[in-house]
Amino acid sequence: MNNLVASFLLFFLAQGIIWFQTNGQFLWTSFKDHPIVVAFTLGGTAALIFLTATKYAVEHFNGLFWPGRFIAFATGMLIFAILTYLFRGEGMNAKTVISLILSLAIICLQIFWK
């Protein structure tokens, strides 16, 4: 697996963990009742995954930081939209759809613009 694919997969995983860390309080009482445990358990795990994903992205883009940062941001937008729909049933309005399209455009710019 190349570094770009690995970084994408890891960014998606970390963003998903962060979604549950911050929004789990609205889904499960255990998350609401134990915020410190949730913060340290999921936050530490996500941080390690973000570190590795960033390393792979920087390696892929020959030492550049910005492309990986934009990819991390855009994957967060995509994961947020998917998980919010699946777990909260929140649909997407025109503003959200346009924002997601812009997120995909950011990813494409970083990958394909040489």
PDB file of N, CA and C in Angstrom:
ATOM      1  N   MET A   1       0.863  -1.170   0.000  1.00  0.00           N
ATOM      2  CA  MET A   1       0.000   0.000   0.000  1.00  0.00           C
ATOM      3  C   MET A   1       0.910   1.235   0.000  1.00  0.00           C
ATOM      4  N   ASN A   2       0.596   2.174  -0.868  1.00  0.00           N
ATOM      5  CA  ASN A   2       1.456   3.366  -0.903  1.00  0.00           C
ATOM      6  C   ASN A   2       1.084   4.347   0.216  1.00  0.00           C
ATOM      7  N   ASN A   3       1.977   5.307   0.438  1.00  0.00           N
ATOM      8  CA  ASN A   3       1.804   6.249   1.539  1.00  0.00           C
ATOM      9  C   ASN A   3       0.535   7.082   1.430  1.00  0.00           C
ATOM     10  N   LEU A   4       0.140   7.444   0.214  1.00  0.00           N
ATOM     11  CA  LEU A   4      -1.062   8.267   0.058  1.00  0.00           C
ATOM     12  C   LEU A   4      -2.310   7.505   0.483  1.00  0.00           C
ATOM     13  N   VAL A   5      -2.436   6.281   0.028  1.00  0.00           N
ATOM     14  CA  VAL A   5      -3.600   5.463   0.398  1.00  0.00           C
ATOM     15  C   VAL A   5      -3.613   5.220   1.908  1.00  0.00           C
ATOM     16  N   ALA A   6      -2.457   4.902   2.459  1.00  0.00           N
ATOM     17  CA  ALA A   6      -2.371   4.670   3.908  1.00  0.00           C
ATOM     18  C   ALA A   6      -2.778   5.915   4.681  1.00  0.00           C
ATOM     19  N   SER A   7      -2.300   7.085   4.236  1.00  0.00           N
ATOM     20  CA  SER A   7      -2.654   8.305   4.957  1.00  0.00           C
ATOM     21  C   SER A   7      -4.152   8.575   4.878  1.00  0.00           C
ATOM     22  N   PHE A   8      -4.762   8.360   3.704  1.00  0.00           N
ATOM     23  CA  PHE A   8      -6.211   8.536   3.575  1.00  0.00           C
ATOM     24  C   PHE A   8      -6.962   7.628   4.538  1.00  0.00           C
ATOM     25  N   LEU A   9      -6.632   6.360   4.525  1.00  0.00           N
ATOM     26  CA  LEU A   9      -7.327   5.399   5.387  1.00  0.00           C
ATOM     27  C   LEU A   9      -7.163   5.768   6.860  1.00  0.00           C
ATOM     28  N   LEU A  10      -5.966   6.149   7.238  1.00  0.00           N
ATOM     29  CA  LEU A  10      -5.730   6.526   8.632  1.00  0.00           C
ATOM     30  C   LEU A  10      -6.433   7.831   8.999  1.00  0.00           C
ATOM     31  N   PHE A  11      -6.425   8.807   8.091  1.00  0.00           N
ATOM     32  CA  PHE A  11      -7.161  10.043   8.367  1.00  0.00           C
ATOM     33  C   PHE A  11      -8.660   9.757   8.533  1.00  0.00           C
ATOM     34  N   PHE A  12      -9.222   8.915   7.664  1.00  0.00           N
ATOM     35  CA  PHE A  12     -10.635   8.563   7.803  1.00  0.00           C
ATOM     36  C   PHE A  12     -10.904   7.892   9.148  1.00  0.00           C
ATOM     37  N   LEU A  13     -10.040   6.962   9.532  1.00  0.00           N
ATOM     38  CA  LEU A  13     -10.212   6.263  10.805  1.00  0.00           C
ATOM     39  C   LEU A  13     -10.135   7.237  11.977  1.00  0.00           C
ATOM     40  N   ALA A  14      -9.116   8.077  11.995  1.00  0.00           N
ATOM     41  CA  ALA A  14      -8.957   9.040  13.095  1.00  0.00           C
ATOM     42  C   ALA A  14     -10.123  10.019  13.154  1.00  0.00           C
ATOM     43  N   GLN A  15     -10.559  10.493  11.992  1.00  0.00           N
ATOM     44  CA  GLN A  15     -11.702  11.427  11.970  1.00  0.00           C
ATOM     45  C   GLN A  15     -12.959  10.749  12.505  1.00  0.00           C
ATOM     46  N   GLY A  16     -13.137   9.477  12.182  1.00  0.00           N
ATOM     47  CA  GLY A  16     -14.284   8.733  12.710  1.00  0.00           C
ATOM     48  C   GLY A  16     -14.228   8.609  14.222  1.00  0.00           C
ATOM     49  N   ILE A  17     -13.040   8.312  14.733  1.00  0.00           N
ATOM     50  CA  ILE A  17     -12.874   8.216  16.190  1.00  0.00           C
ATOM     51  C   ILE A  17     -13.196   9.549  16.846  1.00  0.00           C
ATOM     52  N   ILE A  18     -12.722  10.632  16.264  1.00  0.00           N
ATOM     53  CA  ILE A  18     -13.001  11.961  16.830  1.00  0.00           C
ATOM     54  C   ILE A  18     -14.499  12.271  16.781  1.00  0.00           C
ATOM     55  N   TRP A  19     -15.169  11.840  15.708  1.00  0.00           N
ATOM     56  CA  TRP A  19     -16.612  12.072  15.635  1.00  0.00           C
ATOM     57  C   TRP A  19     -17.306  11.402  16.825  1.00  0.00           C
ATOM     58  N   PHE A  20     -16.936  10.145  17.099  1.00  0.00           N
ATOM     59  CA  PHE A  20     -17.554   9.442  18.229  1.00  0.00           C
ATOM     60  C   PHE A  20     -17.154  10.065  19.566  1.00  0.00           C
ATOM     61  N   GLN A  21     -15.914  10.516  19.663  1.00  0.00           N
ATOM     62  CA  GLN A  21     -15.454  11.134  20.903  1.00  0.00           C
ATOM     63  C   GLN A  21     -16.274  12.384  21.226  1.00  0.00           C
ATOM     64  N   THR A  22     -16.496  13.227  20.238  1.00  0.00           N
ATOM     65  CA  THR A  22     -17.187  14.491  20.504  1.00  0.00           C
ATOM     66  C   THR A  22     -18.709  14.378  20.465  1.00  0.00           C
ATOM     67  N   ASN A  23     -19.234  13.450  19.690  1.00  0.00           N
ATOM     68  CA  ASN A  23     -20.684  13.355  19.535  1.00  0.00           C
ATOM     69  C   ASN A  23     -21.312  12.168  20.253  1.00  0.00           C
ATOM     70  N   GLY A  24     -20.477  11.281  20.773  1.00  0.00           N
ATOM     71  CA  GLY A  24     -20.997  10.124  21.499  1.00  0.00           C
ATOM     72  C   GLY A  24     -21.842  10.501  22.698  1.00  0.00           C
ATOM     73  N   GLN A  25     -21.570  11.673  23.274  1.00  0.00           N
ATOM     74  CA  GLN A  25     -22.341  12.146  24.427  1.00  0.00           C
ATOM     75  C   GLN A  25     -23.823  12.327  24.105  1.00  0.00           C
ATOM     76  N   PHE A  26     -24.132  12.512  22.833  1.00  0.00           N
ATOM     77  CA  PHE A  26     -25.525  12.681  22.419  1.00  0.00           C
ATOM     78  C   PHE A  26     -26.174  11.366  22.013  1.00  0.00           C
ATOM     79  N   LEU A  27     -25.358  10.318  21.948  1.00  0.00           N
ATOM     80  CA  LEU A  27     -25.858   9.007  21.541  1.00  0.00           C
ATOM     81  C   LEU A  27     -25.963   8.031  22.707  1.00  0.00           C
ATOM     82  N   TRP A  28     -25.001   8.081  23.609  1.00  0.00           N
ATOM     83  CA  TRP A  28     -24.919   7.105  24.697  1.00  0.00           C
ATOM     84  C   TRP A  28     -24.672   7.813  26.019  1.00  0.00           C
ATOM     85  N   THR A  29     -25.402   7.400  27.042  1.00  0.00           N
ATOM     86  CA  THR A  29     -25.229   8.025  28.357  1.00  0.00           C
ATOM     87  C   THR A  29     -23.848   7.731  28.943  1.00  0.00           C
ATOM     88  N   SER A  30     -23.256   6.592  28.614  1.00  0.00           N
ATOM     89  CA  SER A  30     -21.925   6.283  29.156  1.00  0.00           C
ATOM     90  C   SER A  30     -20.886   7.295  28.686  1.00  0.00           C
ATOM     91  N   PHE A  31     -21.011   7.765  27.454  1.00  0.00           N
ATOM     92  CA  PHE A  31     -20.088   8.790  26.958  1.00  0.00           C
ATOM     93  C   PHE A  31     -20.341  10.114  27.678  1.00  0.00           C
ATOM     94  N   LYS A  32     -21.600  10.401  27.926  1.00  0.00           N
ATOM     95  CA  LYS A  32     -21.954  11.643  28.620  1.00  0.00           C
ATOM     96  C   LYS A  32     -21.522  11.604  30.080  1.00  0.00           C
ATOM     97  N   ASP A  33     -21.651  10.434  30.700  1.00  0.00           N
ATOM     98  CA  ASP A  33     -21.335  10.301  32.121  1.00  0.00           C
ATOM     99  C   ASP A  33     -19.835  10.188  32.411  1.00  0.00           C
ATOM    100  N   HIS A  34     -19.040   9.833  31.416  1.00  0.00           N
ATOM    101  CA  HIS A  34     -17.606   9.610  31.630  1.00  0.00           C
ATOM    102  C   HIS A  34     -16.759  10.352  30.589  1.00  0.00           C
ATOM    103  N   PRO A  35     -16.868  11.675  30.539  1.00  0.00           N
ATOM    104  CA  PRO A  35     -16.158  12.424  29.497  1.00  0.00           C
ATOM    105  C   PRO A  35     -14.632  12.324  29.599  1.00  0.00           C
ATOM    106  N   ILE A  36     -14.099  12.206  30.795  1.00  0.00           N
ATOM    107  CA  ILE A  36     -12.645  12.123  30.945  1.00  0.00           C
ATOM    108  C   ILE A  36     -12.126  10.812  30.354  1.00  0.00           C
ATOM    109  N   VAL A  37     -12.802   9.729  30.636  1.00  0.00           N
ATOM    110  CA  VAL A  37     -12.399   8.425  30.090  1.00  0.00           C
ATOM    111  C   VAL A  37     -12.490   8.441  28.570  1.00  0.00           C
ATOM    112  N   VAL A  38     -13.580   8.986  28.055  1.00  0.00           N
ATOM    113  CA  VAL A  38     -13.760   9.080  26.598  1.00  0.00           C
ATOM    114  C   VAL A  38     -12.667   9.948  25.989  1.00  0.00           C
ATOM    115  N   ALA A  39     -12.392  11.085  26.609  1.00  0.00           N
ATOM    116  CA  ALA A  39     -11.393  12.011  26.069  1.00  0.00           C
ATOM    117  C   ALA A  39     -10.017  11.364  26.007  1.00  0.00           C
ATOM    118  N   PHE A  40      -9.597  10.733  27.090  1.00  0.00           N
ATOM    119  CA  PHE A  40      -8.254  10.158  27.102  1.00  0.00           C
ATOM    120  C   PHE A  40      -8.153   8.893  26.255  1.00  0.00           C
ATOM    121  N   THR A  41      -9.171   8.057  26.289  1.00  0.00           N
ATOM    122  CA  THR A  41      -9.117   6.813  25.522  1.00  0.00           C
ATOM    123  C   THR A  41      -9.173   7.086  24.026  1.00  0.00           C
ATOM    124  N   LEU A  42     -10.203   7.772  23.592  1.00  0.00           N
ATOM    125  CA  LEU A  42     -10.362   8.009  22.160  1.00  0.00           C
ATOM    126  C   LEU A  42      -9.427   9.099  21.652  1.00  0.00           C
ATOM    127  N   GLY A  43      -9.198  10.123  22.465  1.00  0.00           N
ATOM    128  CA  GLY A  43      -8.311  11.200  22.037  1.00  0.00           C
ATOM    129  C   GLY A  43      -6.883  10.731  21.833  1.00  0.00           C
ATOM    130  N   GLY A  44      -6.375   9.934  22.761  1.00  0.00           N
ATOM    131  CA  GLY A  44      -5.021   9.402  22.614  1.00  0.00           C
ATOM    132  C   GLY A  44      -4.886   8.482  21.418  1.00  0.00           C
ATOM    133  N   THR A  45      -5.889   7.654  21.210  1.00  0.00           N
ATOM    134  CA  THR A  45      -5.881   6.747  20.065  1.00  0.00           C
ATOM    135  C   THR A  45      -5.910   7.530  18.757  1.00  0.00           C
ATOM    136  N   ALA A  46      -6.795   8.499  18.672  1.00  0.00           N
ATOM    137  CA  ALA A  46      -6.890   9.312  17.458  1.00  0.00           C
ATOM    138  C   ALA A  46      -5.595  10.079  17.206  1.00  0.00           C
ATOM    139  N   ALA A  47      -4.991  10.596  18.268  1.00  0.00           N
ATOM    140  CA  ALA A  47      -3.743  11.359  18.106  1.00  0.00           C
ATOM    141  C   ALA A  47      -2.647  10.491  17.494  1.00  0.00           C
ATOM    142  N   LEU A  48      -2.514   9.276  17.966  1.00  0.00           N
ATOM    143  CA  LEU A  48      -1.503   8.373  17.403  1.00  0.00           C
ATOM    144  C   LEU A  48      -1.776   8.060  15.932  1.00  0.00           C
ATOM    145  N   ILE A  49      -3.052   7.888  15.606  1.00  0.00           N
ATOM    146  CA  ILE A  49      -3.414   7.614  14.207  1.00  0.00           C
ATOM    147  C   ILE A  49      -3.150   8.849  13.348  1.00  0.00           C
ATOM    148  N   PHE A  50      -3.496  10.041  13.852  1.00  0.00           N
ATOM    149  CA  PHE A  50      -3.216  11.276  13.112  1.00  0.00           C
ATOM    150  C   PHE A  50      -1.713  11.467  12.889  1.00  0.00           C
ATOM    151  N   LEU A  51      -0.913  11.148  13.895  1.00  0.00           N
ATOM    152  CA  LEU A  51       0.540  11.267  13.747  1.00  0.00           C
ATOM    153  C   LEU A  51       1.046  10.386  12.604  1.00  0.00           C
ATOM    154  N   THR A  52       0.574   9.164  12.563  1.00  0.00           N
ATOM    155  CA  THR A  52       1.011   8.233  11.520  1.00  0.00           C
ATOM    156  C   THR A  52       0.493   8.667  10.156  1.00  0.00           C
ATOM    157  N   ALA A  53      -0.755   9.078  10.091  1.00  0.00           N
ATOM    158  CA  ALA A  53      -1.333   9.532   8.819  1.00  0.00           C
ATOM    159  C   ALA A  53      -0.581  10.741   8.289  1.00  0.00           C
ATOM    160  N   THR A  54      -0.235  11.659   9.178  1.00  0.00           N
ATOM    161  CA  THR A  54       0.509  12.853   8.773  1.00  0.00           C
ATOM    162  C   THR A  54       1.894  12.476   8.267  1.00  0.00           C
ATOM    163  N   LYS A  55       2.543  11.545   8.942  1.00  0.00           N
ATOM    164  CA  LYS A  55       3.866  11.084   8.506  1.00  0.00           C
ATOM    165  C   LYS A  55       3.797  10.544   7.082  1.00  0.00           C
ATOM    166  N   TYR A  56       2.801   9.700   6.813  1.00  0.00           N
ATOM    167  CA  TYR A  56       2.663   9.128   5.466  1.00  0.00           C
ATOM    168  C   TYR A  56       2.355  10.201   4.425  1.00  0.00           C
ATOM    169  N   ALA A  57       1.510  11.155   4.790  1.00  0.00           N
ATOM    170  CA  ALA A  57       1.170  12.226   3.842  1.00  0.00           C
ATOM    171  C   ALA A  57       2.392  13.087   3.526  1.00  0.00           C
ATOM    172  N   VAL A  58       3.134  13.458   4.550  1.00  0.00           N
ATOM    173  CA  VAL A  58       4.329  14.283   4.328  1.00  0.00           C
ATOM    174  C   VAL A  58       5.352  13.522   3.491  1.00  0.00           C
ATOM    175  N   GLU A  59       5.515  12.236   3.754  1.00  0.00           N
ATOM    176  CA  GLU A  59       6.427  11.427   2.935  1.00  0.00           C
ATOM    177  C   GLU A  59       5.957  11.388   1.488  1.00  0.00           C
ATOM    178  N   HIS A  60       4.661  11.193   1.280  1.00  0.00           N
ATOM    179  CA  HIS A  60       4.140  11.115  -0.093  1.00  0.00           C
ATOM    180  C   HIS A  60       4.347  12.419  -0.850  1.00  0.00           C
ATOM    181  N   PHE A  61       4.150  13.536  -0.163  1.00  0.00           N
ATOM    182  CA  PHE A  61       4.257  14.847  -0.820  1.00  0.00           C
ATOM    183  C   PHE A  61       5.650  15.465  -0.661  1.00  0.00           C
ATOM    184  N   ASN A  62       6.644  14.607  -0.545  1.00  0.00           N
ATOM    185  CA  ASN A  62       8.054  15.035  -0.534  1.00  0.00           C
ATOM    186  C   ASN A  62       8.366  16.109   0.509  1.00  0.00           C
ATOM    187  N   GLY A  63       7.864  15.918   1.707  1.00  0.00           N
ATOM    188  CA  GLY A  63       8.189  16.821   2.798  1.00  0.00           C
ATOM    189  C   GLY A  63       7.264  18.005   2.982  1.00  0.00           C
ATOM    190  N   LEU A  64       6.280  18.167   2.111  1.00  0.00           N
ATOM    191  CA  LEU A  64       5.341  19.292   2.229  1.00  0.00           C
ATOM    192  C   LEU A  64       4.276  18.991   3.282  1.00  0.00           C
ATOM    193  N   PHE A  65       3.967  19.985   4.105  1.00  0.00           N
ATOM    194  CA  PHE A  65       2.958  19.828   5.153  1.00  0.00           C
ATOM    195  C   PHE A  65       1.535  20.112   4.670  1.00  0.00           C
ATOM    196  N   TRP A  66       1.378  21.138   3.829  1.00  0.00           N
ATOM    197  CA  TRP A  66       0.032  21.600   3.464  1.00  0.00           C
ATOM    198  C   TRP A  66      -0.857  20.547   2.809  1.00  0.00           C
ATOM    199  N   PRO A  67      -0.371  19.768   1.868  1.00  0.00           N
ATOM    200  CA  PRO A  67      -1.285  18.802   1.246  1.00  0.00           C
ATOM    201  C   PRO A  67      -1.920  17.844   2.256  1.00  0.00           C
ATOM    202  N   GLY A  68      -1.131  17.344   3.188  1.00  0.00           N
ATOM    203  CA  GLY A  68      -1.680  16.438   4.197  1.00  0.00           C
ATOM    204  C   GLY A  68      -2.685  17.121   5.099  1.00  0.00           C
ATOM    205  N   ARG A  69      -2.437  18.381   5.408  1.00  0.00           N
ATOM    206  CA  ARG A  69      -3.365  19.127   6.256  1.00  0.00           C
ATOM    207  C   ARG A  69      -4.715  19.313   5.569  1.00  0.00           C
ATOM    208  N   PHE A  70      -4.662  19.656   4.289  1.00  0.00           N
ATOM    209  CA  PHE A  70      -5.917  19.812   3.549  1.00  0.00           C
ATOM    210  C   PHE A  70      -6.658  18.484   3.422  1.00  0.00           C
ATOM    211  N   ILE A  71      -5.913  17.414   3.199  1.00  0.00           N
ATOM    212  CA  ILE A  71      -6.545  16.095   3.104  1.00  0.00           C
ATOM    213  C   ILE A  71      -7.173  15.714   4.445  1.00  0.00           C
ATOM    214  N   ALA A  72      -6.487  15.988   5.546  1.00  0.00           N
ATOM    215  CA  ALA A  72      -7.051  15.697   6.871  1.00  0.00           C
ATOM    216  C   ALA A  72      -8.354  16.473   7.090  1.00  0.00           C
ATOM    217  N   PHE A  73      -8.351  17.747   6.707  1.00  0.00           N
ATOM    218  CA  PHE A  73      -9.552  18.578   6.851  1.00  0.00           C
ATOM    219  C   PHE A  73     -10.703  18.021   6.007  1.00  0.00           C
ATOM    220  N   ALA A  74     -10.413  17.723   4.761  1.00  0.00           N
ATOM    221  CA  ALA A  74     -11.468  17.279   3.848  1.00  0.00           C
ATOM    222  C   ALA A  74     -12.009  15.905   4.251  1.00  0.00           C
ATOM    223  N   THR A  75     -11.140  14.999   4.696  1.00  0.00           N
ATOM    224  CA  THR A  75     -11.639  13.695   5.139  1.00  0.00           C
ATOM    225  C   THR A  75     -12.515  13.863   6.380  1.00  0.00           C
ATOM    226  N   GLY A  76     -12.177  14.832   7.220  1.00  0.00           N
ATOM    227  CA  GLY A  76     -13.019  15.107   8.381  1.00  0.00           C
ATOM    228  C   GLY A  76     -14.406  15.574   7.997  1.00  0.00           C
ATOM    229  N   MET A  77     -14.472  16.414   6.979  1.00  0.00           N
ATOM    230  CA  MET A  77     -15.774  16.873   6.491  1.00  0.00           C
ATOM    231  C   MET A  77     -16.605  15.697   5.962  1.00  0.00           C
ATOM    232  N   LEU A  78     -15.960  14.834   5.198  1.00  0.00           N
ATOM    233  CA  LEU A  78     -16.678  13.694   4.617  1.00  0.00           C
ATOM    234  C   LEU A  78     -17.154  12.725   5.690  1.00  0.00           C
ATOM    235  N   ILE A  79     -16.268  12.382   6.617  1.00  0.00           N
ATOM    236  CA  ILE A  79     -16.643  11.461   7.688  1.00  0.00           C
ATOM    237  C   ILE A  79     -17.746  12.050   8.557  1.00  0.00           C
ATOM    238  N   PHE A  80     -17.633  13.348   8.846  1.00  0.00           N
ATOM    239  CA  PHE A  80     -18.664  13.998   9.658  1.00  0.00           C
ATOM    240  C   PHE A  80     -20.029  13.878   8.976  1.00  0.00           C
ATOM    241  N   ALA A  81     -20.071  14.149   7.682  1.00  0.00           N
ATOM    242  CA  ALA A  81     -21.342  14.078   6.955  1.00  0.00           C
ATOM    243  C   ALA A  81     -21.912  12.662   6.980  1.00  0.00           C
ATOM    244  N   ILE A  82     -21.075  11.686   6.747  1.00  0.00           N
ATOM    245  CA  ILE A  82     -21.533  10.286   6.707  1.00  0.00           C
ATOM    246  C   ILE A  82     -22.024   9.832   8.070  1.00  0.00           C
ATOM    247  N   LEU A  83     -21.222  10.036   9.108  1.00  0.00           N
ATOM    248  CA  LEU A  83     -21.598   9.556  10.438  1.00  0.00           C
ATOM    249  C   LEU A  83     -22.774  10.326  11.025  1.00  0.00           C
ATOM    250  N   THR A  84     -22.859  11.611  10.739  1.00  0.00           N
ATOM    251  CA  THR A  84     -24.001  12.391  11.230  1.00  0.00           C
ATOM    252  C   THR A  84     -25.287  11.915  10.580  1.00  0.00           C
ATOM    253  N   TYR A  85     -25.212  11.565   9.315  1.00  0.00           N
ATOM    254  CA  TYR A  85     -26.395  11.022   8.643  1.00  0.00           C
ATOM    255  C   TYR A  85     -26.750   9.639   9.216  1.00  0.00           C
ATOM    256  N   LEU A  86     -25.757   8.770   9.353  1.00  0.00           N
ATOM    257  CA  LEU A  86     -26.022   7.403   9.810  1.00  0.00           C
ATOM    258  C   LEU A  86     -26.514   7.342  11.256  1.00  0.00           C
ATOM    259  N   PHE A  87     -25.922   8.134  12.144  1.00  0.00           N
ATOM    260  CA  PHE A  87     -26.250   8.031  13.560  1.00  0.00           C
ATOM    261  C   PHE A  87     -27.273   9.043  14.044  1.00  0.00           C
ATOM    262  N   ARG A  88     -27.420  10.150  13.337  1.00  0.00           N
ATOM    263  CA  ARG A  88     -28.364  11.172  13.770  1.00  0.00           C
ATOM    264  C   ARG A  88     -29.498  11.402  12.780  1.00  0.00           C
ATOM    265  N   GLY A  89     -29.353  10.840  11.592  1.00  0.00           N
ATOM    266  CA  GLY A  89     -30.389  10.997  10.590  1.00  0.00           C
ATOM    267  C   GLY A  89     -30.471  12.396  10.004  1.00  0.00           C
ATOM    268  N   GLU A  90     -29.416  13.189  10.203  1.00  0.00           N
ATOM    269  CA  GLU A  90     -29.423  14.553   9.674  1.00  0.00           C
ATOM    270  C   GLU A  90     -29.099  14.527   8.192  1.00  0.00           C
ATOM    271  N   GLY A  91     -30.059  14.952   7.418  1.00  0.00           N
ATOM    272  CA  GLY A  91     -29.867  15.006   5.981  1.00  0.00           C
ATOM    273  C   GLY A  91     -28.974  16.162   5.586  1.00  0.00           C
ATOM    274  N   MET A  92     -28.800  16.299   4.310  1.00  0.00           N
ATOM    275  CA  MET A  92     -27.926  17.359   3.814  1.00  0.00           C
ATOM    276  C   MET A  92     -28.740  18.376   3.033  1.00  0.00           C
ATOM    277  N   ASN A  93     -28.488  19.631   3.343  1.00  0.00           N
ATOM    278  CA  ASN A  93     -29.111  20.697   2.569  1.00  0.00           C
ATOM    279  C   ASN A  93     -28.114  21.165   1.500  1.00  0.00           C
ATOM    280  N   ALA A  94     -28.510  22.125   0.723  1.00  0.00           N
ATOM    281  CA  ALA A  94     -27.660  22.598  -0.379  1.00  0.00           C
ATOM    282  C   ALA A  94     -26.314  23.109   0.130  1.00  0.00           C
ATOM    283  N   LYS A  95     -26.316  23.820   1.238  1.00  0.00           N
ATOM    284  CA  LYS A  95     -25.073  24.359   1.793  1.00  0.00           C
ATOM    285  C   LYS A  95     -24.108  23.232   2.166  1.00  0.00           C
ATOM    286  N   THR A  96     -24.629  22.171   2.787  1.00  0.00           N
ATOM    287  CA  THR A  96     -23.782  21.042   3.179  1.00  0.00           C
ATOM    288  C   THR A  96     -23.246  20.309   1.957  1.00  0.00           C
ATOM    289  N   VAL A  97     -24.083  20.095   0.971  1.00  0.00           N
ATOM    290  CA  VAL A  97     -23.644  19.403  -0.245  1.00  0.00           C
ATOM    291  C   VAL A  97     -22.552  20.203  -0.951  1.00  0.00           C
ATOM    292  N   ILE A  98     -22.733  21.501  -1.047  1.00  0.00           N
ATOM    293  CA  ILE A  98     -21.709  22.346  -1.679  1.00  0.00           C
ATOM    294  C   ILE A  98     -20.411  22.295  -0.881  1.00  0.00           C
ATOM    295  N   SER A  99     -20.504  22.309   0.438  1.00  0.00           N
ATOM    296  CA  SER A  99     -19.301  22.215   1.268  1.00  0.00           C
ATOM    297  C   SER A  99     -18.578  20.888   1.051  1.00  0.00           C
ATOM    298  N   LEU A 100     -19.332  19.813   0.915  1.00  0.00           N
ATOM    299  CA  LEU A 100     -18.711  18.508   0.661  1.00  0.00           C
ATOM    300  C   LEU A 100     -18.061  18.459  -0.719  1.00  0.00           C
ATOM    301  N   ILE A 101     -18.708  19.056  -1.689  1.00  0.00           N
ATOM    302  CA  ILE A 101     -18.108  19.121  -3.029  1.00  0.00           C
ATOM    303  C   ILE A 101     -16.806  19.910  -2.979  1.00  0.00           C
ATOM    304  N   LEU A 102     -16.802  21.001  -2.238  1.00  0.00           N
ATOM    305  CA  LEU A 102     -15.573  21.779  -2.079  1.00  0.00           C
ATOM    306  C   LEU A 102     -14.493  20.965  -1.358  1.00  0.00           C
ATOM    307  N   SER A 103     -14.890  20.150  -0.384  1.00  0.00           N
ATOM    308  CA  SER A 103     -13.927  19.286   0.296  1.00  0.00           C
ATOM    309  C   SER A 103     -13.298  18.299  -0.676  1.00  0.00           C
ATOM    310  N   LEU A 104     -14.134  17.721  -1.524  1.00  0.00           N
ATOM    311  CA  LEU A 104     -13.599  16.802  -2.535  1.00  0.00           C
ATOM    312  C   LEU A 104     -12.684  17.538  -3.510  1.00  0.00           C
ATOM    313  N   ALA A 105     -13.039  18.770  -3.839  1.00  0.00           N
ATOM    314  CA  ALA A 105     -12.184  19.567  -4.725  1.00  0.00           C
ATOM    315  C   ALA A 105     -10.831  19.820  -4.080  1.00  0.00           C
ATOM    316  N   ILE A 106     -10.822  20.079  -2.772  1.00  0.00           N
ATOM    317  CA  ILE A 106      -9.564  20.279  -2.050  1.00  0.00           C
ATOM    318  C   ILE A 106      -8.694  19.037  -2.148  1.00  0.00           C
ATOM    319  N   ILE A 107      -9.292  17.876  -1.946  1.00  0.00           N
ATOM    320  CA  ILE A 107      -8.539  16.628  -2.026  1.00  0.00           C
ATOM    321  C   ILE A 107      -7.972  16.458  -3.435  1.00  0.00           C
ATOM    322  N   CYS A 108      -8.797  16.670  -4.439  1.00  0.00           N
ATOM    323  CA  CYS A 108      -8.346  16.515  -5.824  1.00  0.00           C
ATOM    324  C   CYS A 108      -7.224  17.493  -6.171  1.00  0.00           C
ATOM    325  N   LEU A 109      -7.331  18.733  -5.712  1.00  0.00           N
ATOM    326  CA  LEU A 109      -6.264  19.710  -5.946  1.00  0.00           C
ATOM    327  C   LEU A 109      -4.940  19.234  -5.368  1.00  0.00           C
ATOM    328  N   GLN A 110      -5.000  18.718  -4.146  1.00  0.00           N
ATOM    329  CA  GLN A 110      -3.765  18.299  -3.491  1.00  0.00           C
ATOM    330  C   GLN A 110      -3.158  17.068  -4.158  1.00  0.00           C
ATOM    331  N   ILE A 111      -3.975  16.193  -4.662  1.00  0.00           N
ATOM    332  CA  ILE A 111      -3.457  14.945  -5.250  1.00  0.00           C
ATOM    333  C   ILE A 111      -3.017  15.147  -6.709  1.00  0.00           C
ATOM    334  N   PHE A 112      -3.811  15.837  -7.461  1.00  0.00           N
ATOM    335  CA  PHE A 112      -3.573  15.865  -8.915  1.00  0.00           C
ATOM    336  C   PHE A 112      -2.841  17.088  -9.436  1.00  0.00           C
ATOM    337  N   TRP A 113      -2.752  18.179  -8.673  1.00  0.00           N
ATOM    338  CA  TRP A 113      -2.065  19.369  -9.140  1.00  0.00           C
ATOM    339  C   TRP A 113      -0.581  19.227  -8.820  1.00  0.00           C
ATOM    340  N   LYS A 114       0.183  19.083  -9.828  1.00  0.00           N
ATOM    341  CA  LYS A 114       1.644  18.879  -9.643  1.00  0.00           C
ATOM    342  C   LYS A 114       2.394  20.134  -9.944  1.00  0.00           C
TER     343      LYS A 114
END
